[in-house]
Protein backbone atom coordinates (compact mmCIF):
# COMPACT_ATOMS: atom_id res chain seq x y z
CA MET A 1 -1.43 -11.53 -11.98
CA ILE A 2 -0.91 -11.11 -8.07
CA LYS A 3 -1.71 -7.91 -6.40
CA VAL A 4 -0.08 -6.96 -3.05
CA SER A 5 -2.34 -4.57 -0.68
CA VAL A 6 -1.04 -2.54 2.48
CA MET A 7 -3.98 -1.83 4.09
CA TYR A 8 -4.12 1.13 6.70
CA ALA A 9 -7.31 0.63 9.13
CA ASN A 10 -8.93 3.92 9.89
CA GLU A 11 -7.99 4.13 13.96
CA ASP A 12 -8.81 7.08 16.28
CA GLY A 13 -6.06 8.73 16.91
CA LYS A 14 -3.99 7.70 14.30
CA ASN A 15 -2.77 10.07 11.81
CA PHE A 16 -1.91 9.44 7.84
CA ASP A 17 -0.34 11.81 5.46
CA MET A 18 -1.94 11.04 2.29
CA ASP A 19 -0.14 13.96 -0.30
CA TYR A 20 3.30 12.26 1.76
CA TYR A 21 2.15 8.59 0.57
CA CYS A 22 1.19 9.47 -2.95
CA ASN A 23 3.76 12.38 -3.98
CA ASN A 24 6.55 10.54 -1.85
CA HIS A 25 6.11 6.75 -1.31
CA MET A 26 4.89 5.63 -4.02
CA PRO A 27 6.97 6.68 -6.52
CA MET A 28 10.18 5.74 -4.73
CA VAL A 29 8.15 2.28 -4.31
CA HIS A 30 8.26 2.41 -8.02
CA GLU A 31 11.52 3.19 -8.82
CA LYS A 32 13.09 0.55 -5.61
CA LEU A 33 10.75 -2.44 -7.57
CA GLY A 34 11.62 -1.17 -11.59
CA ASP A 35 9.52 -3.00 -13.91
CA ALA A 36 8.76 -5.81 -12.02
CA LEU A 37 6.44 -3.36 -10.65
CA LEU A 38 3.46 -3.76 -13.59
CA LYS A 39 1.00 -1.17 -11.47
CA SER A 40 -0.06 0.53 -8.75
CA GLU A 41 -3.62 1.86 -7.28
CA VAL A 42 -3.84 4.17 -3.79
CA ASP A 43 -7.26 3.90 -2.34
CA GLU A 44 -8.54 6.38 0.23
CA GLY A 45 -11.33 5.33 2.41
CA ILE A 46 -14.36 7.56 2.61
CA GLY A 47 -17.11 5.92 4.21
CA GLY A 48 -18.21 2.55 5.23
CA GLY A 49 -20.84 0.43 3.83
CA LEU A 50 -23.38 2.26 5.72
CA PRO A 51 -24.69 5.63 4.94
CA GLY A 52 -22.61 7.81 7.70
CA THR A 53 -20.07 5.11 9.21
CA PRO A 54 -16.71 5.27 8.77
CA ALA A 55 -14.54 3.35 6.49
CA ALA A 56 -12.63 0.57 7.77
CA TYR A 57 -9.33 1.96 5.88
CA VAL A 58 -8.31 5.14 5.78
CA ALA A 59 -5.92 4.34 2.49
CA ILE A 60 -5.05 0.74 0.64
CA GLY A 61 -1.90 0.68 -1.53
CA HIS A 62 -2.03 -2.15 -4.14
CA ILE A 63 0.78 -2.76 -6.08
CA TYR A 64 0.66 -5.78 -8.94
CA PHE A 65 3.14 -7.89 -10.35
CA ASP A 66 3.15 -10.84 -12.62
CA SER A 67 4.07 -13.48 -9.98
CA VAL A 68 4.80 -13.98 -5.84
CA ASP A 69 8.23 -14.82 -6.58
CA SER A 70 8.78 -11.55 -9.16
CA PHE A 71 7.15 -9.54 -5.88
CA GLN A 72 9.64 -11.46 -3.32
CA VAL A 73 12.72 -10.63 -6.18
CA ALA A 74 12.02 -7.17 -6.57
CA PHE A 75 11.13 -6.28 -2.85
CA ALA A 76 13.37 -8.13 -1.03
CA PRO A 77 17.13 -5.69 -1.70
CA HIS A 78 15.19 -2.77 -0.54
CA ALA A 79 12.51 -3.68 1.90
CA GLY A 80 14.08 -1.77 4.85
CA GLU A 81 14.12 1.29 2.98
CA ILE A 82 10.22 1.10 1.90
CA MET A 83 9.45 -0.32 5.37
CA ALA A 84 11.75 2.35 6.71
CA ASP A 85 9.64 5.50 5.10
CA ILE A 86 6.26 4.46 6.57
CA PRO A 87 6.83 6.64 9.70
CA ASN A 88 7.08 9.57 7.31
CA TYR A 89 3.22 9.23 6.60
CA THR A 90 1.72 7.47 9.29
CA ASP A 91 2.10 5.88 12.79
CA ILE A 92 -0.62 3.11 11.45
CA GLU A 93 0.33 -0.27 11.28
CA PRO A 94 -0.29 -1.86 8.12
CA SER A 95 -1.58 -5.06 7.20
CA ILE A 96 -0.79 -6.65 4.31
CA GLN A 97 -2.16 -9.02 1.88
CA VAL A 98 -0.92 -11.44 -1.13
CA SER A 99 -3.92 -11.83 -3.51
CA GLU A 100 -4.12 -13.80 -7.15
CA VAL A 101 -6.36 -11.77 -9.38
CA LYS A 102 -8.88 -13.48 -10.53
CA ALA A 103 -11.16 -11.17 -12.14
């Protein structure tokens, strides 16, 4: 199984609309990616590793697939539309990581 993580850094002066992300963007991603998308998760950063420090990321979205190939086949036809929705909920440039889930 692989996990695609889309991370939004917690940057001063930047905005992130968690309500839109959870209630509009992620359902649209589910609809576009169809059965290839096994599950998704959304993390909201609430703090750093030390008490009183800010979270490194304001939000991280995770989407899971059987393989890199299944992700690429599902995502490619809809990449433009999915990426075009980003300005509707944030002005943060996302970082993306593809990981193999080991445990």
